[in-house]
Amino acid sequence: MGLCASCHCTTKQRRLMNNWSSTVKVINSGDGRLQEFRQPIMASHVLSGHPTAFLCSSDTMFVGCHVPQMPGNEELQMGQIYFLMPLSNSNHPLSLQELCSLAVKAGYISGGA
């Protein structure tokens, strides 16, 4: 026996989902500003204007763990959310409160799209 799920999306919902997956999203963890790129981009390019920050993928953030920094030569992937974080945040494990704050910023961005 298997599980089956069905989704009946409106045209507007399909358009929003397609737009979401066709861009790279970078959210500034400090002010919540969104940068959106319509093609893959190198992490070093995004970081070039932020000497005291690092990039991390939302997929690699866990409570109680240090946030892994993306190498500058790594390409950001379409449809993914990345956070621009202050270097000072790389020195301590991510707290539940910090992760929740980032999730709210990401949810606000995706909900407002």
PDB file of N, CA and C in Angstrom:
ATOM      1  N   MET A   1       0.850  -1.169   0.000  1.00  0.00           N
ATOM      2  CA  MET A   1       0.000   0.000   0.000  1.00  0.00           C
ATOM      3  C   MET A   1       0.897   1.234   0.000  1.00  0.00           C
ATOM      4  N   GLY A   2       0.564   2.211  -0.801  1.00  0.00           N
ATOM      5  CA  GLY A   2       1.377   3.419  -0.894  1.00  0.00           C
ATOM      6  C   GLY A   2       0.573   4.644  -0.517  1.00  0.00           C
ATOM      7  N   LEU A   3       1.265   5.743  -0.407  1.00  0.00           N
ATOM      8  CA  LEU A   3       0.633   7.017  -0.116  1.00  0.00           C
ATOM      9  C   LEU A   3       0.434   7.775  -1.409  1.00  0.00           C
ATOM     10  N   CYS A   4      -0.624   8.502  -1.494  1.00  0.00           N
ATOM     11  CA  CYS A   4      -0.911   9.270  -2.697  1.00  0.00           C
ATOM     12  C   CYS A   4      -1.344  10.664  -2.270  1.00  0.00           C
ATOM     13  N   ALA A   5      -0.835  11.661  -2.971  1.00  0.00           N
ATOM     14  CA  ALA A   5      -1.218  13.038  -2.674  1.00  0.00           C
ATOM     15  C   ALA A   5      -1.601  13.722  -3.970  1.00  0.00           C
ATOM     16  N   SER A   6      -2.540  14.605  -3.890  1.00  0.00           N
ATOM     17  CA  SER A   6      -2.985  15.325  -5.066  1.00  0.00           C
ATOM     18  C   SER A   6      -2.943  16.814  -4.762  1.00  0.00           C
ATOM     19  N   CYS A   7      -2.612  17.584  -5.774  1.00  0.00           N
ATOM     20  CA  CYS A   7      -2.573  19.035  -5.594  1.00  0.00           C
ATOM     21  C   CYS A   7      -3.326  19.682  -6.740  1.00  0.00           C
ATOM     22  N   HIS A   8      -4.324  20.447  -6.394  1.00  0.00           N
ATOM     23  CA  HIS A   8      -5.082  21.182  -7.383  1.00  0.00           C
ATOM     24  C   HIS A   8      -4.746  22.653  -7.202  1.00  0.00           C
ATOM     25  N   CYS A   9      -3.761  23.105  -7.958  1.00  0.00           N
ATOM     26  CA  CYS A   9      -3.276  24.475  -7.825  1.00  0.00           C
ATOM     27  C   CYS A   9      -3.965  25.382  -8.828  1.00  0.00           C
ATOM     28  N   THR A  10      -4.176  26.602  -8.415  1.00  0.00           N
ATOM     29  CA  THR A  10      -4.702  27.601  -9.332  1.00  0.00           C
ATOM     30  C   THR A  10      -3.575  28.050 -10.252  1.00  0.00           C
ATOM     31  N   THR A  11      -3.928  28.736 -11.317  1.00  0.00           N
ATOM     32  CA  THR A  11      -2.923  29.249 -12.253  1.00  0.00           C
ATOM     33  C   THR A  11      -1.966  30.195 -11.529  1.00  0.00           C
ATOM     34  N   LYS A  12      -2.494  31.036 -10.663  1.00  0.00           N
ATOM     35  CA  LYS A  12      -1.651  31.978  -9.916  1.00  0.00           C
ATOM     36  C   LYS A  12      -0.676  31.217  -9.016  1.00  0.00           C
ATOM     37  N   GLN A  13      -1.126  30.170  -8.339  1.00  0.00           N
ATOM     38  CA  GLN A  13      -0.250  29.387  -7.470  1.00  0.00           C
ATOM     39  C   GLN A  13       0.844  28.700  -8.279  1.00  0.00           C
ATOM     40  N   ARG A  14       0.499  28.166  -9.451  1.00  0.00           N
ATOM     41  CA  ARG A  14       1.514  27.528 -10.306  1.00  0.00           C
ATOM     42  C   ARG A  14       2.555  28.543 -10.752  1.00  0.00           C
ATOM     43  N   ARG A  15       2.117  29.730 -11.121  1.00  0.00           N
ATOM     44  CA  ARG A  15       3.033  30.782 -11.558  1.00  0.00           C
ATOM     45  C   ARG A  15       3.972  31.168 -10.421  1.00  0.00           C
ATOM     46  N   LEU A  16       3.442  31.289  -9.206  1.00  0.00           N
ATOM     47  CA  LEU A  16       4.283  31.622  -8.053  1.00  0.00           C
ATOM     48  C   LEU A  16       5.303  30.526  -7.775  1.00  0.00           C
ATOM     49  N   MET A  17       4.880  29.251  -7.873  1.00  0.00           N
ATOM     50  CA  MET A  17       5.811  28.147  -7.640  1.00  0.00           C
ATOM     51  C   MET A  17       6.901  28.123  -8.704  1.00  0.00           C
ATOM     52  N   ASN A  18       6.551  28.363  -9.961  1.00  0.00           N
ATOM     53  CA  ASN A  18       7.542  28.388 -11.028  1.00  0.00           C
ATOM     54  C   ASN A  18       8.510  29.541 -10.840  1.00  0.00           C
ATOM     55  N   ASN A  19       8.013  30.722 -10.469  1.00  0.00           N
ATOM     56  CA  ASN A  19       8.884  31.872 -10.226  1.00  0.00           C
ATOM     57  C   ASN A  19       9.816  31.596  -9.060  1.00  0.00           C
ATOM     58  N   TRP A  20       9.312  30.927  -8.025  1.00  0.00           N
ATOM     59  CA  TRP A  20      10.114  30.640  -6.842  1.00  0.00           C
ATOM     60  C   TRP A  20      11.287  29.741  -7.210  1.00  0.00           C
ATOM     61  N   SER A  21      11.052  28.695  -7.986  1.00  0.00           N
ATOM     62  CA  SER A  21      12.102  27.741  -8.292  1.00  0.00           C
ATOM     63  C   SER A  21      13.030  28.228  -9.398  1.00  0.00           C
ATOM     64  N   SER A  22      12.689  29.317 -10.062  1.00  0.00           N
ATOM     65  CA  SER A  22      13.520  29.788 -11.160  1.00  0.00           C
ATOM     66  C   SER A  22      14.467  30.909 -10.736  1.00  0.00           C
ATOM     67  N   THR A  23      14.620  31.120  -9.443  1.00  0.00           N
ATOM     68  CA  THR A  23      15.544  32.147  -8.964  1.00  0.00           C
ATOM     69  C   THR A  23      16.340  31.633  -7.765  1.00  0.00           C
ATOM     70  N   VAL A  24      17.453  32.312  -7.523  1.00  0.00           N
ATOM     71  CA  VAL A  24      18.244  32.102  -6.315  1.00  0.00           C
ATOM     72  C   VAL A  24      17.852  33.222  -5.369  1.00  0.00           C
ATOM     73  N   LYS A  25      17.538  32.896  -4.127  1.00  0.00           N
ATOM     74  CA  LYS A  25      17.130  33.905  -3.154  1.00  0.00           C
ATOM     75  C   LYS A  25      18.186  34.015  -2.061  1.00  0.00           C
ATOM     76  N   VAL A  26      18.628  35.248  -1.803  1.00  0.00           N
ATOM     77  CA  VAL A  26      19.583  35.516  -0.729  1.00  0.00           C
ATOM     78  C   VAL A  26      18.924  36.519   0.208  1.00  0.00           C
ATOM     79  N   ILE A  27      18.750  36.114   1.464  1.00  0.00           N
ATOM     80  CA  ILE A  27      18.106  36.966   2.460  1.00  0.00           C
ATOM     81  C   ILE A  27      19.160  37.461   3.433  1.00  0.00           C
ATOM     82  N   ASN A  28      19.203  38.766   3.630  1.00  0.00           N
ATOM     83  CA  ASN A  28      20.110  39.359   4.611  1.00  0.00           C
ATOM     84  C   ASN A  28      19.537  39.086   5.991  1.00  0.00           C
ATOM     85  N   SER A  29      20.273  38.362   6.825  1.00  0.00           N
ATOM     86  CA  SER A  29      19.749  37.981   8.141  1.00  0.00           C
ATOM     87  C   SER A  29      19.559  39.178   9.057  1.00  0.00           C
ATOM     88  N   GLY A  30      20.262  40.262   8.795  1.00  0.00           N
ATOM     89  CA  GLY A  30      20.147  41.444   9.640  1.00  0.00           C
ATOM     90  C   GLY A  30      18.880  42.233   9.390  1.00  0.00           C
ATOM     91  N   ASP A  31      18.675  42.653   8.153  1.00  0.00           N
ATOM     92  CA  ASP A  31      17.533  43.514   7.850  1.00  0.00           C
ATOM     93  C   ASP A  31      16.425  42.816   7.051  1.00  0.00           C
ATOM     94  N   GLY A  32      16.642  41.548   6.686  1.00  0.00           N
ATOM     95  CA  GLY A  32      15.610  40.790   5.983  1.00  0.00           C
ATOM     96  C   GLY A  32      15.472  41.121   4.512  1.00  0.00           C
ATOM     97  N   ARG A  33      16.352  41.984   3.987  1.00  0.00           N
ATOM     98  CA  ARG A  33      16.254  42.326   2.566  1.00  0.00           C
ATOM     99  C   ARG A  33      16.544  41.109   1.690  1.00  0.00           C
ATOM    100  N   LEU A  34      15.837  41.045   0.578  1.00  0.00           N
ATOM    101  CA  LEU A  34      15.959  39.939  -0.361  1.00  0.00           C
ATOM    102  C   LEU A  34      16.725  40.379  -1.598  1.00  0.00           C
ATOM    103  N   GLN A  35      17.701  39.550  -1.990  1.00  0.00           N
ATOM    104  CA  GLN A  35      18.334  39.682  -3.297  1.00  0.00           C
ATOM    105  C   GLN A  35      17.892  38.461  -4.080  1.00  0.00           C
ATOM    106  N   GLU A  36      17.473  38.691  -5.312  1.00  0.00           N
ATOM    107  CA  GLU A  36      16.992  37.586  -6.127  1.00  0.00           C
ATOM    108  C   GLU A  36      17.774  37.570  -7.432  1.00  0.00           C
ATOM    109  N   PHE A  37      18.260  36.395  -7.804  1.00  0.00           N
ATOM    110  CA  PHE A  37      19.052  36.242  -9.015  1.00  0.00           C
ATOM    111  C   PHE A  37      18.342  35.262  -9.940  1.00  0.00           C
ATOM    112  N   ARG A  38      18.244  35.610 -11.190  1.00  0.00           N
ATOM    113  CA  ARG A  38      17.518  34.798 -12.163  1.00  0.00           C
ATOM    114  C   ARG A  38      18.412  33.789 -12.876  1.00  0.00           C
ATOM    115  N   GLN A  39      19.662  33.707 -12.465  1.00  0.00           N
ATOM    116  CA  GLN A  39      20.577  32.707 -12.993  1.00  0.00           C
ATOM    117  C   GLN A  39      21.535  32.305 -11.885  1.00  0.00           C
ATOM    118  N   PRO A  40      22.123  31.126 -11.979  1.00  0.00           N
ATOM    119  CA  PRO A  40      23.068  30.710 -10.944  1.00  0.00           C
ATOM    120  C   PRO A  40      24.181  31.748 -10.794  1.00  0.00           C
ATOM    121  N   ILE A  41      24.667  31.901  -9.578  1.00  0.00           N
ATOM    122  CA  ILE A  41      25.677  32.914  -9.277  1.00  0.00           C
ATOM    123  C   ILE A  41      26.662  32.329  -8.270  1.00  0.00           C
ATOM    124  N   MET A  42      27.888  32.766  -8.337  1.00  0.00           N
ATOM    125  CA  MET A  42      28.905  32.292  -7.406  1.00  0.00           C
ATOM    126  C   MET A  42      28.742  33.001  -6.055  1.00  0.00           C
ATOM    127  N   ALA A  43      29.019  32.283  -4.998  1.00  0.00           N
ATOM    128  CA  ALA A  43      28.927  32.855  -3.652  1.00  0.00           C
ATOM    129  C   ALA A  43      29.837  34.070  -3.519  1.00  0.00           C
ATOM    130  N   SER A  44      31.014  34.021  -4.108  1.00  0.00           N
ATOM    131  CA  SER A  44      31.966  35.138  -4.005  1.00  0.00           C
ATOM    132  C   SER A  44      31.392  36.420  -4.597  1.00  0.00           C
ATOM    133  N   HIS A  45      30.570  36.297  -5.639  1.00  0.00           N
ATOM    134  CA  HIS A  45      29.962  37.487  -6.239  1.00  0.00           C
ATOM    135  C   HIS A  45      28.984  38.148  -5.266  1.00  0.00           C
ATOM    136  N   VAL A  46      28.184  37.342  -4.599  1.00  0.00           N
ATOM    137  CA  VAL A  46      27.214  37.872  -3.630  1.00  0.00           C
ATOM    138  C   VAL A  46      27.950  38.504  -2.448  1.00  0.00           C
ATOM    139  N   LEU A  47      29.044  37.872  -2.024  1.00  0.00           N
ATOM    140  CA  LEU A  47      29.793  38.342  -0.857  1.00  0.00           C
ATOM    141  C   LEU A  47      30.672  39.550  -1.145  1.00  0.00           C
ATOM    142  N   SER A  48      30.892  39.877  -2.402  1.00  0.00           N
ATOM    143  CA  SER A  48      31.847  40.930  -2.751  1.00  0.00           C
ATOM    144  C   SER A  48      31.544  42.268  -2.077  1.00  0.00           C
ATOM    145  N   GLY A  49      30.308  42.582  -1.833  1.00  0.00           N
ATOM    146  CA  GLY A  49      29.957  43.841  -1.166  1.00  0.00           C
ATOM    147  C   GLY A  49      29.756  43.708   0.327  1.00  0.00           C
ATOM    148  N   HIS A  50      30.092  42.552   0.883  1.00  0.00           N
ATOM    149  CA  HIS A  50      29.844  42.280   2.301  1.00  0.00           C
ATOM    150  C   HIS A  50      31.083  41.632   2.943  1.00  0.00           C
ATOM    151  N   PRO A  51      32.115  42.426   3.229  1.00  0.00           N
ATOM    152  CA  PRO A  51      33.374  41.844   3.736  1.00  0.00           C
ATOM    153  C   PRO A  51      33.273  41.225   5.131  1.00  0.00           C
ATOM    154  N   THR A  52      32.252  41.551   5.890  1.00  0.00           N
ATOM    155  CA  THR A  52      32.123  41.012   7.249  1.00  0.00           C
ATOM    156  C   THR A  52      30.954  40.037   7.353  1.00  0.00           C
ATOM    157  N   ALA A  53      30.667  39.353   6.232  1.00  0.00           N
ATOM    158  CA  ALA A  53      29.536  38.424   6.216  1.00  0.00           C
ATOM    159  C   ALA A  53      29.939  37.134   5.525  1.00  0.00           C
ATOM    160  N   PHE A  54      29.108  36.115   5.700  1.00  0.00           N
ATOM    161  CA  PHE A  54      29.277  34.859   4.985  1.00  0.00           C
ATOM    162  C   PHE A  54      27.916  34.379   4.512  1.00  0.00           C
ATOM    163  N   LEU A  55      27.925  33.472   3.554  1.00  0.00           N
ATOM    164  CA  LEU A  55      26.696  32.890   3.025  1.00  0.00           C
ATOM    165  C   LEU A  55      26.523  31.482   3.552  1.00  0.00           C
ATOM    166  N   CYS A  56      25.265  31.114   3.782  1.00  0.00           N
ATOM    167  CA  CYS A  56      24.967  29.732   4.152  1.00  0.00           C
ATOM    168  C   CYS A  56      23.652  29.335   3.502  1.00  0.00           C
ATOM    169  N   SER A  57      23.540  28.058   3.231  1.00  0.00           N
ATOM    170  CA  SER A  57      22.319  27.512   2.645  1.00  0.00           C
ATOM    171  C   SER A  57      21.318  27.224   3.756  1.00  0.00           C
ATOM    172  N   SER A  58      20.065  27.516   3.503  1.00  0.00           N
ATOM    173  CA  SER A  58      19.036  27.233   4.507  1.00  0.00           C
ATOM    174  C   SER A  58      18.941  25.739   4.796  1.00  0.00           C
ATOM    175  N   ASP A  59      19.364  24.918   3.842  1.00  0.00           N
ATOM    176  CA  ASP A  59      19.311  23.462   4.016  1.00  0.00           C
ATOM    177  C   ASP A  59      20.345  22.932   5.006  1.00  0.00           C
ATOM    178  N   THR A  60      21.327  23.751   5.369  1.00  0.00           N
ATOM    179  CA  THR A  60      22.417  23.274   6.232  1.00  0.00           C
ATOM    180  C   THR A  60      22.378  23.896   7.623  1.00  0.00           C
ATOM    181  N   MET A  61      21.256  24.491   7.987  1.00  0.00           N
ATOM    182  CA  MET A  61      21.149  25.183   9.273  1.00  0.00           C
ATOM    183  C   MET A  61      20.336  24.346  10.256  1.00  0.00           C
ATOM    184  N   PHE A  62      20.962  24.044  11.400  1.00  0.00           N
ATOM    185  CA  PHE A  62      20.314  23.216  12.413  1.00  0.00           C
ATOM    186  C   PHE A  62      20.549  23.799  13.794  1.00  0.00           C
ATOM    187  N   VAL A  63      19.560  23.694  14.654  1.00  0.00           N
ATOM    188  CA  VAL A  63      19.666  24.179  16.029  1.00  0.00           C
ATOM    189  C   VAL A  63      20.800  23.435  16.738  1.00  0.00           C
ATOM    190  N   GLY A  64      21.618  24.197  17.450  1.00  0.00           N
ATOM    191  CA  GLY A  64      22.704  23.618  18.227  1.00  0.00           C
ATOM    192  C   GLY A  64      23.960  23.326  17.428  1.00  0.00           C
ATOM    193  N   CYS A  65      23.967  23.663  16.137  1.00  0.00           N
ATOM    194  CA  CYS A  65      25.138  23.425  15.282  1.00  0.00           C
ATOM    195  C   CYS A  65      25.661  24.747  14.743  1.00  0.00           C
ATOM    196  N   HIS A  66      26.961  24.790  14.487  1.00  0.00           N
ATOM    197  CA  HIS A  66      27.541  25.955  13.843  1.00  0.00           C
ATOM    198  C   HIS A  66      27.027  26.028  12.405  1.00  0.00           C
ATOM    199  N   VAL A  67      26.808  27.226  11.926  1.00  0.00           N
ATOM    200  CA  VAL A  67      26.307  27.421  10.567  1.00  0.00           C
ATOM    201  C   VAL A  67      27.482  27.285   9.606  1.00  0.00           C
ATOM    202  N   PRO A  68      27.415  26.312   8.679  1.00  0.00           N
ATOM    203  CA  PRO A  68      28.535  26.141   7.747  1.00  0.00           C
ATOM    204  C   PRO A  68      28.592  27.259   6.704  1.00  0.00           C
ATOM    205  N   GLN A  69      29.786  27.804   6.521  1.00  0.00           N
ATOM    206  CA  GLN A  69      29.982  28.854   5.530  1.00  0.00           C
ATOM    207  C   GLN A  69      30.169  28.239   4.147  1.00  0.00           C
ATOM    208  N   MET A  70      29.524  28.841   3.167  1.00  0.00           N
ATOM    209  CA  MET A  70      29.692  28.383   1.785  1.00  0.00           C
ATOM    210  C   MET A  70      31.016  28.909   1.256  1.00  0.00           C
ATOM    211  N   PRO A  71      31.766  28.064   0.567  1.00  0.00           N
ATOM    212  CA  PRO A  71      32.999  28.552  -0.061  1.00  0.00           C
ATOM    213  C   PRO A  71      32.676  29.542  -1.181  1.00  0.00           C
ATOM    214  N   GLY A  72      33.542  30.506  -1.366  1.00  0.00           N
ATOM    215  CA  GLY A  72      33.326  31.523  -2.398  1.00  0.00           C
ATOM    216  C   GLY A  72      33.230  30.965  -3.796  1.00  0.00           C
ATOM    217  N   ASN A  73      33.852  29.803  -4.053  1.00  0.00           N
ATOM    218  CA  ASN A  73      33.835  29.238  -5.399  1.00  0.00           C
ATOM    219  C   ASN A  73      32.635  28.319  -5.639  1.00  0.00           C
ATOM    220  N   GLU A  74      31.700  28.299  -4.710  1.00  0.00           N
ATOM    221  CA  GLU A  74      30.511  27.461  -4.872  1.00  0.00           C
ATOM    222  C   GLU A  74      29.403  28.239  -5.571  1.00  0.00           C
ATOM    223  N   GLU A  75      28.701  27.567  -6.465  1.00  0.00           N
ATOM    224  CA  GLU A  75      27.600  28.184  -7.192  1.00  0.00           C
ATOM    225  C   GLU A  75      26.303  28.020  -6.412  1.00  0.00           C
ATOM    226  N   LEU A  76      25.567  29.108  -6.247  1.00  0.00           N
ATOM    227  CA  LEU A  76      24.271  29.053  -5.578  1.00  0.00           C
ATOM    228  C   LEU A  76      23.265  28.420  -6.536  1.00  0.00           C
ATOM    229  N   GLN A  77      22.410  27.578  -5.999  1.00  0.00           N
ATOM    230  CA  GLN A  77      21.492  26.782  -6.811  1.00  0.00           C
ATOM    231  C   GLN A  77      20.115  27.435  -6.944  1.00  0.00           C
ATOM    232  N   MET A  78      19.553  27.297  -8.116  1.00  0.00           N
ATOM    233  CA  MET A  78      18.227  27.833  -8.398  1.00  0.00           C
ATOM    234  C   MET A  78      17.200  27.171  -7.462  1.00  0.00           C
ATOM    235  N   GLY A  79      16.247  27.965  -7.000  1.00  0.00           N
ATOM    236  CA  GLY A  79      15.182  27.452  -6.155  1.00  0.00           C
ATOM    237  C   GLY A  79      15.567  27.327  -4.684  1.00  0.00           C
ATOM    238  N   GLN A  80      16.792  27.689  -4.343  1.00  0.00           N
ATOM    239  CA  GLN A  80      17.255  27.561  -2.966  1.00  0.00           C
ATOM    240  C   GLN A  80      17.257  28.919  -2.264  1.00  0.00           C
ATOM    241  N   ILE A  81      17.178  28.862  -0.944  1.00  0.00           N
ATOM    242  CA  ILE A  81      17.244  30.066  -0.108  1.00  0.00           C
ATOM    243  C   ILE A  81      18.585  30.058   0.606  1.00  0.00           C
ATOM    244  N   TYR A  82      19.258  31.199   0.563  1.00  0.00           N
ATOM    245  CA  TYR A  82      20.538  31.378   1.245  1.00  0.00           C
ATOM    246  C   TYR A  82      20.419  32.574   2.170  1.00  0.00           C
ATOM    247  N   PHE A  83      21.192  32.542   3.237  1.00  0.00           N
ATOM    248  CA  PHE A  83      21.216  33.655   4.172  1.00  0.00           C
ATOM    249  C   PHE A  83      22.590  34.287   4.183  1.00  0.00           C
ATOM    250  N   LEU A  84      22.601  35.619   4.186  1.00  0.00           N
ATOM    251  CA  LEU A  84      23.809  36.392   4.358  1.00  0.00           C
ATOM    252  C   LEU A  84      23.904  36.680   5.854  1.00  0.00           C
ATOM    253  N   MET A  85      24.922  36.111   6.486  1.00  0.00           N
ATOM    254  CA  MET A  85      25.039  36.163   7.946  1.00  0.00           C
ATOM    255  C   MET A  85      26.299  36.938   8.350  1.00  0.00           C
ATOM    256  N   PRO A  86      26.264  37.643   9.480  1.00  0.00           N
ATOM    257  CA  PRO A  86      27.480  38.303   9.973  1.00  0.00           C
ATOM    258  C   PRO A  86      28.509  37.259  10.417  1.00  0.00           C
ATOM    259  N   LEU A  87      29.776  37.548  10.154  1.00  0.00           N
ATOM    260  CA  LEU A  87      30.840  36.614  10.535  1.00  0.00           C
ATOM    261  C   LEU A  87      30.797  36.262  12.018  1.00  0.00           C
ATOM    262  N   SER A  88      30.331  37.167  12.852  1.00  0.00           N
ATOM    263  CA  SER A  88      30.256  36.895  14.293  1.00  0.00           C
ATOM    264  C   SER A  88      29.338  35.711  14.599  1.00  0.00           C
ATOM    265  N   ASN A  89      28.392  35.415  13.709  1.00  0.00           N
ATOM    266  CA  ASN A  89      27.487  34.280  13.923  1.00  0.00           C
ATOM    267  C   ASN A  89      28.146  32.936  13.649  1.00  0.00           C
ATOM    268  N   SER A  90      29.327  32.953  13.066  1.00  0.00           N
ATOM    269  CA  SER A  90      29.999  31.687  12.766  1.00  0.00           C
ATOM    270  C   SER A  90      30.726  31.135  13.984  1.00  0.00           C
ATOM    271  N   ASN A  91      30.780  31.908  15.060  1.00  0.00           N
ATOM    272  CA  ASN A  91      31.529  31.504  16.254  1.00  0.00           C
ATOM    273  C   ASN A  91      30.711  30.754  17.293  1.00  0.00           C
ATOM    274  N   HIS A  92      29.414  30.654  17.085  1.00  0.00           N
ATOM    275  CA  HIS A  92      28.584  29.973  18.077  1.00  0.00           C
ATOM    276  C   HIS A  92      27.495  29.144  17.391  1.00  0.00           C
ATOM    277  N   PRO A  93      27.016  28.122  18.072  1.00  0.00           N
ATOM    278  CA  PRO A  93      25.936  27.291  17.506  1.00  0.00           C
ATOM    279  C   PRO A  93      24.652  28.102  17.326  1.00  0.00           C
ATOM    280  N   LEU A  94      23.889  27.736  16.359  1.00  0.00           N
ATOM    281  CA  LEU A  94      22.626  28.402  16.055  1.00  0.00           C
ATOM    282  C   LEU A  94      21.586  28.049  17.121  1.00  0.00           C
ATOM    283  N   SER A  95      20.963  29.056  17.681  1.00  0.00           N
ATOM    284  CA  SER A  95      19.934  28.812  18.697  1.00  0.00           C
ATOM    285  C   SER A  95      18.572  28.630  18.028  1.00  0.00           C
ATOM    286  N   LEU A  96      17.653  28.061  18.758  1.00  0.00           N
ATOM    287  CA  LEU A  96      16.289  27.890  18.257  1.00  0.00           C
ATOM    288  C   LEU A  96      15.686  29.251  17.925  1.00  0.00           C
ATOM    289  N   GLN A  97      15.906  30.232  18.777  1.00  0.00           N
ATOM    290  CA  GLN A  97      15.366  31.575  18.552  1.00  0.00           C
ATOM    291  C   GLN A  97      15.922  32.185  17.263  1.00  0.00           C
ATOM    292  N   GLU A  98      17.230  32.021  17.014  1.00  0.00           N
ATOM    293  CA  GLU A  98      17.835  32.548  15.787  1.00  0.00           C
ATOM    294  C   GLU A  98      17.266  31.853  14.551  1.00  0.00           C
ATOM    295  N   LEU A  99      17.147  30.529  14.618  1.00  0.00           N
ATOM    296  CA  LEU A  99      16.618  29.781  13.484  1.00  0.00           C
ATOM    297  C   LEU A  99      15.170  30.163  13.206  1.00  0.00           C
ATOM    298  N   CYS A 100      14.394  30.348  14.248  1.00  0.00           N
ATOM    299  CA  CYS A 100      12.994  30.764  14.084  1.00  0.00           C
ATOM    300  C   CYS A 100      12.914  32.149  13.445  1.00  0.00           C
ATOM    301  N   SER A 101      13.777  33.050  13.858  1.00  0.00           N
ATOM    302  CA  SER A 101      13.807  34.391  13.287  1.00  0.00           C
ATOM    303  C   SER A 101      14.119  34.342  11.792  1.00  0.00           C
ATOM    304  N   LEU A 102      15.079  33.511  11.414  1.00  0.00           N
ATOM    305  CA  LEU A 102      15.419  33.356  10.000  1.00  0.00           C
ATOM    306  C   LEU A 102      14.271  32.718   9.225  1.00  0.00           C
ATOM    307  N   ALA A 103      13.615  31.748   9.832  1.00  0.00           N
ATOM    308  CA  ALA A 103      12.482  31.083   9.180  1.00  0.00           C
ATOM    309  C   ALA A 103      11.343  32.069   8.940  1.00  0.00           C
ATOM    310  N   VAL A 104      11.118  32.959   9.887  1.00  0.00           N
ATOM    311  CA  VAL A 104      10.065  33.967   9.728  1.00  0.00           C
ATOM    312  C   VAL A 104      10.413  34.884   8.556  1.00  0.00           C
ATOM    313  N   LYS A 105      11.685  35.303   8.466  1.00  0.00           N
ATOM    314  CA  LYS A 105      12.099  36.164   7.345  1.00  0.00           C
ATOM    315  C   LYS A 105      11.911  35.442   6.019  1.00  0.00           C
ATOM    316  N   ALA A 106      12.313  34.187   5.954  1.00  0.00           N
ATOM    317  CA  ALA A 106      12.153  33.403   4.729  1.00  0.00           C
ATOM    318  C   ALA A 106      10.670  33.190   4.414  1.00  0.00           C
ATOM    319  N   GLY A 107       9.863  32.948   5.433  1.00  0.00           N
ATOM    320  CA  GLY A 107       8.421  32.750   5.232  1.00  0.00           C
ATOM    321  C   GLY A 107       7.749  34.018   4.755  1.00  0.00           C
ATOM    322  N   TYR A 108       8.192  35.145   5.267  1.00  0.00           N
ATOM    323  CA  TYR A 108       7.638  36.419   4.836  1.00  0.00           C
ATOM    324  C   TYR A 108       7.950  36.658   3.373  1.00  0.00           C
ATOM    325  N   ILE A 109       9.172  36.332   2.966  1.00  0.00           N
ATOM    326  CA  ILE A 109       9.587  36.504   1.570  1.00  0.00           C
ATOM    327  C   ILE A 109       8.761  35.598   0.665  1.00  0.00           C
ATOM    328  N   SER A 110       8.646  34.323   1.023  1.00  0.00           N
ATOM    329  CA  SER A 110       7.925  33.377   0.175  1.00  0.00           C
ATOM    330  C   SER A 110       6.422  33.650   0.182  1.00  0.00           C
ATOM    331  N   GLY A 111       5.912  34.095   1.300  1.00  0.00           N
ATOM    332  CA  GLY A 111       4.481  34.393   1.384  1.00  0.00           C
ATOM    333  C   GLY A 111       4.104  35.651   0.661  1.00  0.00           C
ATOM    334  N   GLY A 112       5.047  36.573   0.565  1.00  0.00           N
ATOM    335  CA  GLY A 112       4.774  37.852  -0.093  1.00  0.00           C
ATOM    336  C   GLY A 112       5.046  37.829  -1.578  1.00  0.00           C
ATOM    337  N   ALA A 113       5.540  36.699  -2.099  1.00  0.00           N
ATOM    338  CA  ALA A 113       5.904  36.631  -3.522  1.00  0.00           C
ATOM    339  C   ALA A 113       4.724  36.712  -4.434  1.00  0.00           C
TER     340      ALA A 113
END
